Protein backbone atom coordinates (compact mmCIF):
# COMPACT_ATOMS: atom_id res chain seq x y z
CA MET A 1 0.00 0.00 0.00
CA ASP A 2 1.47 3.30 -1.10
CA LEU A 3 0.71 6.31 1.09
CA SER A 4 3.77 8.28 0.00
CA ALA A 5 2.13 10.47 -2.67
CA GLU A 6 2.37 14.15 -1.80
CA LYS A 7 -1.38 14.78 -1.88
CA THR A 8 -2.08 11.66 0.20
CA GLN A 9 0.47 12.77 2.78
CA ARG A 10 -1.03 16.28 2.87
CA VAL A 11 -4.57 15.02 3.42
CA LEU A 12 -3.49 12.35 5.91
CA SER A 13 -1.59 14.94 7.96
CA ARG A 14 -4.90 16.61 8.79
CA TYR A 15 -6.37 13.48 10.35
CA LYS A 16 -6.87 13.89 14.10
CA PHE A 17 -5.57 10.38 14.87
CA HIS A 18 -2.88 10.24 12.19
CA ASP A 19 -0.80 7.33 13.51
CA VAL A 20 -3.80 5.19 14.43
CA ALA A 21 -5.35 5.83 11.02
CA ILE A 22 -2.18 4.60 9.27
CA GLU A 23 -2.17 1.42 11.40
CA GLU A 24 -5.78 0.73 10.45
CA LEU A 25 -5.06 1.31 6.76
CA GLN A 26 -2.20 -1.19 6.94
CA LYS A 27 -4.51 -3.79 8.54
CA ILE A 28 -7.08 -3.26 5.81
CA TYR A 29 -4.44 -3.68 3.09
CA ARG A 30 -3.17 -6.97 4.57
CA ILE A 31 -6.63 -8.56 4.40
CA PHE A 32 -8.19 -6.62 1.49
CA PRO A 33 -5.28 -5.66 -0.80
CA GLY A 34 -7.76 -4.73 -3.53
CA MET A 35 -9.08 -1.78 -1.49
CA VAL A 36 -6.90 1.03 -2.83
CA PRO A 37 -6.51 4.30 -0.89
CA SER A 38 -6.64 7.64 -2.68
CA THR A 39 -7.76 11.20 -2.00
CA GLY A 40 -10.85 13.09 -3.01
CA THR A 41 -13.20 15.93 -2.05
CA TYR A 42 -16.33 14.86 -0.21
CA THR A 43 -19.43 17.11 -0.31
CA PHE A 44 -21.55 16.96 2.83
CA THR A 45 -25.31 17.45 2.91
CA ASP A 46 -24.93 21.08 3.96
CA SER A 47 -22.82 21.65 0.78
CA THR A 48 -19.56 22.03 2.70
CA GLN A 49 -16.59 20.15 1.30
CA LYS A 50 -13.52 18.47 2.75
CA ASP A 51 -10.49 16.71 1.30
CA LEU A 52 -10.50 13.14 2.64
CA LEU A 53 -9.01 9.73 2.12
CA LYS A 54 -11.15 7.15 0.38
CA LEU A 55 -10.88 3.42 -0.27
CA ILE A 56 -11.99 2.09 -3.64
CA GLY A 57 -12.19 -1.56 -4.61
CA ASN A 58 -14.31 -4.59 -5.47
CA LEU A 59 -15.81 -7.02 -2.97
CA PRO A 60 -16.00 -10.63 -4.24
CA VAL A 61 -19.45 -12.06 -3.47
CA ARG A 62 -20.83 -15.58 -3.99
CA TYR A 63 -24.47 -15.72 -5.03
CA GLU A 64 -26.34 -18.79 -6.29
CA GLY A 65 -23.08 -20.57 -7.01
CA HIS A 66 -21.54 -17.72 -9.01
CA SER A 67 -18.91 -15.13 -8.10
CA TYR A 68 -19.51 -11.43 -8.60
CA ASN A 69 -17.45 -8.31 -7.93
CA PHE A 70 -19.36 -5.51 -6.21
CA PRO A 71 -17.57 -2.12 -6.53
CA VAL A 72 -17.60 -0.08 -3.32
CA LEU A 73 -16.30 3.28 -2.10
CA LEU A 74 -15.54 4.13 1.53
CA TRP A 75 -14.93 7.75 2.56
CA LEU A 76 -12.77 7.93 5.70
CA MET A 77 -13.66 10.88 7.92
CA ASP A 78 -10.81 12.95 9.39
CA SER A 79 -11.58 11.44 12.81
CA PHE A 80 -11.14 7.89 11.43
CA PRO A 81 -11.03 5.25 12.87
CA PHE A 82 -13.08 6.61 15.77
CA THR A 83 -15.94 7.52 13.44
CA PRO A 84 -17.36 5.18 10.79
CA PRO A 85 -16.71 5.63 7.09
CA ILE A 86 -19.43 6.80 4.69
CA CYS A 87 -19.97 3.91 2.30
CA PHE A 88 -21.35 3.78 -1.23
CA LEU A 89 -21.77 1.31 -4.04
CA ARG A 90 -20.05 2.34 -7.31
CA PRO A 91 -22.28 0.83 -10.01
CA THR A 92 -20.82 0.68 -13.50
CA SER A 93 -22.79 1.87 -16.51
CA ASN A 94 -24.33 -1.58 -17.02
CA MET A 95 -25.45 -1.98 -13.38
CA VAL A 96 -28.68 -1.01 -11.62
CA ILE A 97 -28.93 -0.31 -7.88
CA ARG A 98 -31.53 -2.46 -6.19
CA GLU A 99 -32.76 -0.24 -3.38
CA GLY A 100 -33.38 -2.12 -0.13
CA LYS A 101 -33.04 -2.04 3.62
CA HIS A 102 -29.23 -1.73 3.39
CA VAL A 103 -28.90 0.59 0.38
CA ASP A 104 -30.74 3.69 -0.85
CA ALA A 105 -31.35 4.87 -4.40
CA ARG A 106 -28.02 6.77 -4.46
CA GLY A 107 -26.09 3.65 -3.50
CA ARG A 108 -25.33 4.75 0.06
CA LEU A 109 -24.98 1.77 2.37
CA PHE A 110 -26.71 1.46 5.75
CA LEU A 111 -25.43 -1.44 7.86
CA PRO A 112 -25.63 -2.36 11.54
CA GLY A 113 -21.84 -2.15 11.73
CA LEU A 114 -21.97 1.50 10.67
CA HIS A 115 -24.84 2.38 12.97
CA ASN A 116 -23.23 0.71 16.00
CA TRP A 117 -19.64 1.78 15.26
CA ASP A 118 -17.48 1.66 18.39
CA TYR A 119 -13.72 1.68 17.79
CA PRO A 120 -11.63 -0.40 18.57
CA LYS A 121 -14.39 -3.03 18.66
CA SER A 122 -15.39 -1.89 15.18
CA SER A 123 -13.09 -1.88 12.16
CA VAL A 124 -13.21 -1.46 8.41
CA VAL A 125 -12.13 -5.08 8.00
CA ALA A 126 -15.16 -6.25 9.98
CA LEU A 127 -17.34 -3.81 8.04
CA LEU A 128 -16.18 -5.19 4.67
CA ASN A 129 -16.89 -8.72 5.89
CA GLU A 130 -20.36 -7.60 6.94
CA MET A 131 -20.92 -6.02 3.52
CA THR A 132 -19.97 -9.28 1.84
CA ALA A 133 -22.37 -11.26 4.03
CA LYS A 134 -25.26 -8.82 3.41
CA PHE A 135 -24.60 -8.73 -0.34
CA GLU A 136 -24.74 -12.53 -0.43
CA GLU A 137 -28.14 -12.43 1.28
CA GLU A 138 -29.58 -9.67 -0.89
CA PRO A 139 -27.42 -8.48 -3.82
CA PRO A 140 -27.71 -4.66 -4.06
CA LEU A 141 -26.74 -4.49 -7.74
CA SER A 142 -28.03 -6.21 -10.84
CA SER A 143 -27.20 -6.07 -14.51
CA LYS A 144 -29.33 -3.80 -16.69
CA ALA A 145 -29.75 -6.71 -19.04
CA THR A 146 -31.66 -8.64 -16.36
CA VAL A 147 -34.34 -6.00 -15.93
CA GLU A 148 -34.90 -5.42 -19.65
CA ASN A 149 -37.89 -3.10 -19.99
CA LYS A 150 -39.14 -3.55 -16.44
CA ASP A 151 -39.10 -0.67 -13.96
CA PRO A 152 -36.22 -1.41 -11.51
CA HIS A 153 -38.44 -0.20 -8.64
CA GLU A 154 -41.17 -2.68 -9.57
CA LEU A 155 -38.57 -5.45 -9.77
CA LEU A 156 -37.22 -4.44 -6.36
CA ALA A 157 -40.70 -4.46 -4.83
CA PHE A 158 -41.11 -8.06 -6.04
CA VAL A 159 -37.63 -9.30 -5.18
CA SER A 160 -37.59 -7.80 -1.70
CA ASN A 161 -40.67 -9.86 -0.83
CA LEU A 162 -38.80 -13.05 -1.67
CA GLN A 163 -36.08 -14.94 0.13
CA ILE A 164 -33.43 -17.23 -1.37
CA ASN A 165 -33.14 -20.53 0.47
CA ASP A 166 -31.42 -23.71 -0.71
CA GLY A 167 -31.61 -22.62 -4.34
CA SER A 168 -35.38 -22.07 -4.24
CA VAL A 169 -37.48 -18.97 -3.78
CA ARG A 170 -40.12 -18.77 -1.11
CA GLN A 171 -42.18 -16.08 0.58
CA GLN A 172 -40.69 -14.60 3.73
CA ASP A 173 -41.75 -16.25 6.95
CA LYS A 174 -44.73 -14.65 8.63
CA THR A 175 -43.80 -12.29 11.45
CA VAL A 176 -45.88 -10.72 14.18
CA ASN A 177 -47.79 -7.56 13.24
CA LYS A 178 -46.29 -5.40 15.97
CA VAL A 179 -46.59 -1.61 16.09
CA SER A 180 -44.96 0.73 18.60
CA VAL A 181 -46.18 4.25 19.33
CA ILE A 182 -43.64 6.53 21.00
CA GLY A 183 -44.99 9.53 22.92
CA GLY A 184 -47.69 9.61 25.55
CA GLY A 185 -49.63 12.78 24.70
CA ASP A 186 -52.92 13.32 22.93
CA LEU A 187 -51.48 12.55 19.50
CA GLY A 188 -49.82 9.39 20.76
CA MET A 189 -53.07 8.24 22.32
CA ALA A 190 -55.07 9.17 19.21
CA SER A 191 -52.62 7.26 17.01
CA ALA A 192 -52.66 4.19 19.24
CA MET A 193 -56.46 4.05 19.45
CA SER A 194 -56.85 4.66 15.71
CA ILE A 195 -54.33 1.93 14.87
CA LEU A 196 -56.14 -0.53 17.15
CA THR A 197 -59.41 0.30 15.38
CA LYS A 198 -58.14 0.42 11.79
CA CYS A 199 -55.37 -2.20 11.72
CA ARG A 200 -55.09 -5.88 12.51
CA VAL A 201 -52.26 -5.74 15.01
CA GLU A 202 -51.20 -8.66 17.15
CA LYS A 203 -49.35 -6.36 19.53
CA LEU A 204 -49.29 -2.61 20.08
CA VAL A 205 -46.65 -1.14 22.38
CA PHE A 206 -47.33 2.31 23.80
CA ILE A 207 -44.15 3.93 25.13
CA ASP A 208 -44.43 7.04 27.29
CA VAL A 209 -41.12 8.88 26.89
CA ALA A 210 -40.19 10.53 30.18
CA GLU A 211 -38.31 13.42 28.54
CA SER A 212 -41.23 14.32 26.29
CA SER A 213 -43.53 17.23 27.03
CA THR A 214 -46.35 15.03 25.67
CA LYS A 215 -45.96 12.37 28.33
CA GLY A 216 -48.64 11.10 30.72
CA GLY A 217 -51.17 9.38 28.48
CA SER A 218 -50.22 5.85 29.40
CA THR A 219 -51.88 5.67 32.82
CA ASP A 220 -55.41 5.14 31.53
CA LEU A 221 -54.23 2.44 29.13
CA GLU A 222 -52.69 0.63 32.08
CA ILE A 223 -55.85 1.03 34.17
CA PHE A 224 -58.22 -0.40 31.56
CA SER A 225 -55.88 -3.15 30.25
CA LEU A 226 -56.78 -3.16 26.55
CA PRO A 227 -56.15 -6.49 24.78
CA ASN A 228 -52.94 -6.77 22.74
CA VAL A 229 -51.63 -3.51 24.24
CA GLU A 230 -48.42 -3.26 26.24
CA VAL A 231 -47.66 -0.02 28.08
CA SER A 232 -44.01 0.67 28.77
CA ARG A 233 -41.50 3.41 29.52
CA ASP A 234 -38.61 1.38 28.14
CA LEU A 235 -37.69 1.68 24.45
CA SER A 236 -36.57 -1.97 24.41
CA ALA A 237 -40.26 -2.98 24.44
CA SER A 238 -40.46 -1.79 20.81
CA ALA A 239 -38.01 -4.45 19.56
CA GLY A 240 -39.15 -6.29 16.44
CA SER A 241 -41.80 -3.77 15.39
CA LYS A 242 -42.99 -3.59 11.80
CA VAL A 243 -44.04 0.03 12.24
CA VAL A 244 -42.71 2.58 14.74
CA VAL A 245 -44.75 5.78 15.12
CA VAL A 246 -42.94 8.69 16.80
CA THR A 247 -45.26 11.38 18.17
CA ALA A 248 -43.06 12.69 21.02
CA ASN A 249 -42.38 16.41 21.30
CA ALA A 250 -40.18 18.27 23.78
CA TRP A 251 -41.11 21.89 23.31
CA SER A 252 -39.11 24.28 25.46
CA GLY A 253 -39.86 27.77 26.68
CA GLU A 254 -37.22 29.28 24.37
CA GLN A 255 -38.21 32.35 22.38
CA SER A 256 -36.23 31.45 19.26
CA TYR A 257 -37.98 29.06 16.88
CA VAL A 258 -34.64 27.40 16.13
CA SER A 259 -34.10 26.80 19.86
CA VAL A 260 -37.59 25.33 20.17
CA VAL A 261 -36.94 22.94 17.29
CA GLN A 262 -33.53 22.07 18.75
CA THR A 263 -35.20 20.73 21.92
CA ASN A 264 -37.10 18.25 19.77
CA VAL A 265 -33.93 17.32 17.90
CA ASP A 266 -32.17 16.70 21.21
CA LEU A 267 -35.04 14.48 22.36
CA TYR A 268 -34.83 12.49 19.13
CA ARG A 269 -31.10 11.97 19.61
CA GLY A 270 -31.88 9.99 22.74
CA ILE A 271 -34.60 7.77 21.26
CA VAL A 272 -34.38 7.42 17.46
CA PRO A 273 -31.04 5.55 17.15
CA GLY A 274 -32.23 3.05 19.78
CA LEU A 275 -35.56 2.53 18.02
CA ALA A 276 -33.78 1.84 14.72
CA ARG A 277 -31.36 -0.58 16.37
CA LEU A 278 -34.21 -2.50 18.06
CA SER A 279 -36.34 -2.68 14.88
CA PRO A 280 -33.92 -2.41 11.92
CA ASN A 281 -36.54 -3.56 9.40
CA ALA A 282 -39.34 -1.28 10.62
CA VAL A 283 -40.91 1.62 8.78
CA MET A 284 -40.69 4.71 10.99
CA ILE A 285 -43.57 7.19 10.79
CA VAL A 286 -42.77 10.63 12.25
CA ALA A 287 -45.54 12.89 13.52
CA SER A 288 -43.56 15.26 15.76
CA GLN A 289 -43.46 18.91 14.75
CA PRO A 290 -42.26 20.46 12.50
CA VAL A 291 -42.87 17.22 10.68
CA ASP A 292 -40.71 17.77 7.58
CA ILE A 293 -37.71 18.78 9.67
CA MET A 294 -38.20 16.05 12.27
CA THR A 295 -38.56 13.37 9.57
CA HIS A 296 -35.28 14.58 8.06
CA VAL A 297 -33.67 14.47 11.52
CA ALA A 298 -35.04 10.98 12.21
CA TRP A 299 -33.62 9.70 8.93
CA ARG A 300 -30.19 11.17 9.65
CA GLN A 301 -30.13 9.87 13.23
CA SER A 302 -31.56 6.41 12.56
CA GLY A 303 -29.26 5.18 9.80
CA LEU A 304 -32.31 3.61 8.13
CA PRO A 305 -32.78 3.86 4.35
CA PRO A 306 -34.94 6.82 3.29
CA THR A 307 -37.68 4.48 2.10
CA HIS A 308 -38.15 3.40 5.72
CA VAL A 309 -38.41 6.86 7.35
CA ILE A 310 -41.46 8.93 6.43
CA GLY A 311 -43.47 11.72 8.02
CA ALA A 312 -47.25 12.02 8.37
CA GLY A 313 -46.81 15.22 6.36
CA CYS A 314 -49.71 16.18 4.08
CA ASN A 315 -51.47 12.81 4.16
CA LEU A 316 -54.45 14.14 6.13
CA ASP A 317 -54.84 17.11 3.77
CA SER A 318 -54.62 14.72 0.81
CA GLU A 319 -57.36 12.45 2.10
CA ARG A 320 -59.56 15.48 2.77
CA LEU A 321 -58.84 16.86 -0.72
CA SER A 322 -59.83 13.60 -2.42
CA HIS A 323 -62.99 13.44 -0.31
CA VAL A 324 -64.02 17.01 -1.19
CA LEU A 325 -63.38 16.40 -4.90
CA LYS A 326 -65.45 13.24 -4.84
CA ILE A 327 -68.37 14.28 -2.61
CA ASN A 328 -68.66 18.02 -3.25
CA LEU A 329 -67.38 18.31 -6.81
CA ASN A 330 -68.15 14.83 -8.19
CA THR A 331 -64.59 14.37 -9.44
CA HIS A 332 -63.52 10.74 -9.18
CA LYS A 333 -59.79 11.07 -9.59
CA PRO A 334 -57.26 10.67 -6.77
CA ALA A 335 -55.56 13.85 -5.61
CA TRP A 336 -52.82 14.69 -3.14
CA VAL A 337 -51.32 17.67 -1.36
CA ILE A 338 -47.55 17.88 -1.76
CA GLY A 339 -44.73 20.07 -0.47
CA GLU A 340 -44.07 21.50 2.97
CA LEU A 341 -46.73 21.21 5.70
CA SER A 342 -47.29 24.97 5.66
CA ASP A 343 -49.10 27.61 3.62
CA ASN A 344 -46.95 26.53 0.68
CA LYS A 345 -48.81 23.24 0.23
CA ILE A 346 -49.61 22.36 -3.39
CA PRO A 347 -52.60 20.28 -4.61
CA VAL A 348 -52.02 17.84 -7.48
CA MET A 349 -54.39 15.47 -9.23
CA SER A 350 -53.95 12.23 -11.12
CA ASN A 351 -54.60 12.34 -14.86
CA THR A 352 -55.96 8.80 -14.60
CA GLY A 353 -58.77 7.22 -12.64
CA LEU A 354 -58.43 4.95 -9.65
CA ASN A 355 -58.68 1.75 -11.70
CA ALA A 356 -57.16 2.87 -14.96
CA GLY A 357 -54.47 0.19 -14.86
CA VAL A 358 -51.85 2.58 -16.19
CA GLN A 359 -49.03 4.48 -14.56
CA THR A 360 -50.28 7.50 -12.62
CA GLU A 361 -49.38 10.93 -13.96
CA LEU A 362 -49.76 14.08 -11.89
CA ALA A 363 -51.20 17.40 -13.00
CA THR A 364 -51.42 20.81 -11.33
CA GLY A 365 -52.03 23.78 -13.57
CA SER A 366 -54.15 22.69 -16.56
CA SER A 367 -57.25 24.71 -17.47
CA VAL A 368 -59.44 21.86 -16.18
CA THR A 369 -57.44 20.72 -13.16
CA LYS A 370 -56.46 23.99 -11.48
CA PRO A 371 -59.97 25.45 -10.96
CA LEU A 372 -61.14 22.17 -9.41
CA LEU A 373 -58.17 21.97 -7.07
CA ASP A 374 -58.46 25.64 -6.08
CA ARG A 375 -62.16 25.24 -5.31
CA ALA A 376 -61.54 22.08 -3.28
CA PHE A 377 -58.81 23.88 -1.34
CA ASP A 378 -61.24 26.72 -0.51
CA ILE A 379 -63.76 24.20 0.86
CA MET A 380 -61.03 22.68 3.04
CA LYS A 381 -59.69 25.97 4.41
CA ASN A 382 -61.26 25.97 7.87
CA ARG A 383 -60.50 22.36 8.73
CA GLY A 384 -57.81 22.25 11.39
CA GLN A 385 -55.59 19.29 12.23
CA ARG A 386 -56.61 17.91 15.62
CA SER A 387 -54.92 15.01 17.38
CA TRP A 388 -57.65 12.52 16.57
CA SER A 389 -57.70 13.46 12.87
CA VAL A 390 -53.91 13.15 12.56
CA GLY A 391 -54.13 9.86 14.49
CA LEU A 392 -56.61 8.50 11.94
CA SER A 393 -54.29 9.56 9.13
CA ILE A 394 -51.34 7.78 10.79
CA ALA A 395 -53.47 4.65 11.24
CA ASP A 396 -54.31 4.64 7.53
CA ILE A 397 -50.62 4.83 6.59
CA THR A 398 -49.84 2.10 9.13
CA ASN A 399 -52.53 -0.14 7.63
CA SER A 400 -51.03 0.28 4.14
CA ILE A 401 -47.65 -0.88 5.49
CA LEU A 402 -48.93 -3.83 7.53
CA THR A 403 -51.16 -5.15 4.73
CA ASP A 404 -48.73 -4.28 1.91
CA LYS A 405 -51.66 -2.40 0.38
CA LYS A 406 -49.60 -0.35 -2.11
CA LYS A 407 -51.89 2.62 -1.52
CA THR A 408 -50.58 6.05 -2.49
CA HIS A 409 -50.14 8.47 0.42
CA ALA A 410 -48.70 11.98 0.45
CA VAL A 411 -46.02 11.51 3.10
CA SER A 412 -42.91 13.48 3.97
CA THR A 413 -40.00 11.75 2.27
CA LEU A 414 -36.53 12.47 0.94
CA ALA A 415 -37.33 14.70 -2.04
CA GLN A 416 -33.79 14.93 -3.44
CA GLY A 417 -33.84 13.87 -7.08
CA TRP A 418 -37.61 14.37 -7.49
CA GLY A 419 -38.64 16.94 -10.09
CA GLY A 420 -35.12 18.32 -10.38
CA ILE A 421 -34.67 18.92 -6.62
CA GLY A 422 -30.94 18.76 -5.89
CA THR A 423 -31.10 19.61 -2.18
CA GLU A 424 -31.29 17.04 0.62
CA VAL A 425 -34.72 18.00 1.94
CA PHE A 426 -37.87 16.21 3.12
CA LEU A 427 -41.22 17.19 1.60
CA SER A 428 -44.58 15.47 1.18
CA LEU A 429 -44.78 13.63 -2.13
CA PRO A 430 -47.12 10.92 -3.44
CA CYS A 431 -45.57 7.60 -2.35
CA ILE A 432 -46.78 4.04 -2.74
CA MET A 433 -46.75 2.58 0.77
CA GLY A 434 -46.28 -1.13 1.46
CA SER A 435 -44.44 -3.55 3.69
CA ASN A 436 -41.08 -2.41 2.27
CA GLY A 437 -41.70 1.24 2.98
CA SER A 438 -42.26 4.02 0.46
CA MET A 439 -41.74 4.29 -3.28
CA ARG A 440 -42.09 7.76 -4.84
CA TYR A 441 -43.96 8.58 -8.00
CA ALA A 442 -41.92 10.19 -10.74
CA GLY A 443 -41.46 13.96 -10.69
CA VAL A 444 -44.08 16.29 -12.13
CA SER A 445 -43.73 19.54 -14.04
CA LEU A 446 -45.28 22.18 -11.81
CA GLY A 447 -46.80 25.47 -12.87
CA GLN A 448 -44.88 28.69 -12.19
CA GLU A 449 -46.85 29.50 -9.02
CA GLU A 450 -46.57 25.98 -7.61
CA ASP A 451 -42.88 25.71 -8.44
CA ALA A 452 -42.19 29.01 -6.65
CA LYS A 453 -43.92 27.69 -3.51
CA LEU A 454 -41.91 24.48 -3.61
CA ARG A 455 -38.61 26.34 -4.06
CA GLU A 456 -39.47 28.68 -1.19
CA SER A 457 -40.12 25.68 1.06
CA ILE A 458 -36.84 24.05 0.04
CA THR A 459 -34.94 27.23 0.94
CA THR A 460 -36.75 27.63 4.28
CA LEU A 461 -36.29 24.00 5.34
CA SER A 462 -32.64 23.94 4.24
CA LYS A 463 -31.84 27.06 6.24
CA LEU A 464 -33.46 25.61 9.36
CA MET A 465 -31.64 22.28 8.97
CA ALA A 466 -28.35 24.18 8.70
CA GLN A 467 -28.99 25.88 12.06
CA ILE A 468 -29.80 22.83 14.19
CA ARG A 469 -27.37 20.33 15.72
CA ILE A 470 -28.41 16.82 14.77
């Protein structure tokens, strides 16, 4: 391994634990000589950049009796090895990323070894071995030739429901329909009761977080001993959940809005990583406020793929919009509210009917669509969002996940890459919800007014994210 190049030496000299980092690099080279170190400039989510070391190489993986080379890239932070690397797949031009629980659409890898990194117990060597094992279970890349004209997302939705075992394919073993609701206030109670009414759950865990300002709702549940309900104050009771609903808030008396939001972020730091570790395959639904920011925070803190962290967002508004269009205006086409949960919300409508059997296309500003949507929005204006109504909305999303319903909900999700959005930001978008989380619809061309609202929300949310400490 050659670390003598001038640029490599210059970058390496800035590492906080220079000598330890070199020792670790030498260990990696002895076991994985194909992982070649070099330098590069990494761009963080806040657009700042830093010159770092990176490891590039191929991991040999055995799958169904054949050997494959999976190209990977590991960025080593300047506090390496005390902080974990940021890991990506490097698909070639003839490869397709198969998004799953360990990889997102950009190829970023999310593994238990990264989430639970604790040097010296943790190491890159162990991480590469874990990657190999996970890739053998569920290959994250496939050849473009194998998908032909099929949508890779549709193929993923099918493949991720299957499990390879002894050369045959079978459905995944049935697991318990367990849901955990975190936060003991009115919204937590409303969500729990709505889920019990709407969904077929075998176990619902209601966790009253002591640090939350919305605590205290668990006592009555304990008194009346509802069937299939466990009341706890210990996050470990949530282990093995299919859905985790986070409703906890920790509002402070601070005058600054940023300070108020920061108290919620600090609360999340103490609960979200633990929830993700206890239920690594769960879909996390965030309902804490401000929902778009807190969903973004939950995704960053959890280490879960973005398809598995969503916010309640504009789902309630969307259901109300569709109802108004159908009942009041006799328009039988699905509609959703997208964007930030604020005055900048944008109504969109499907160009196709509910049972058209073709891919849904979204419309906003046509001469037919816009007057209908504007009128429906006027009818909805005075309808506030109360705890019980948001709870019903959360229960409907939860039901779509537990039953793999593939219903489209407008939920807060990672919007980067949708409709030309280049910023890492969470906004409500139409997403197909099922047992494997969310799958976004393709981007839509918005009218000038709607696009301006969306861009304003992106700027506002990005500025707030830059001011809080995650």
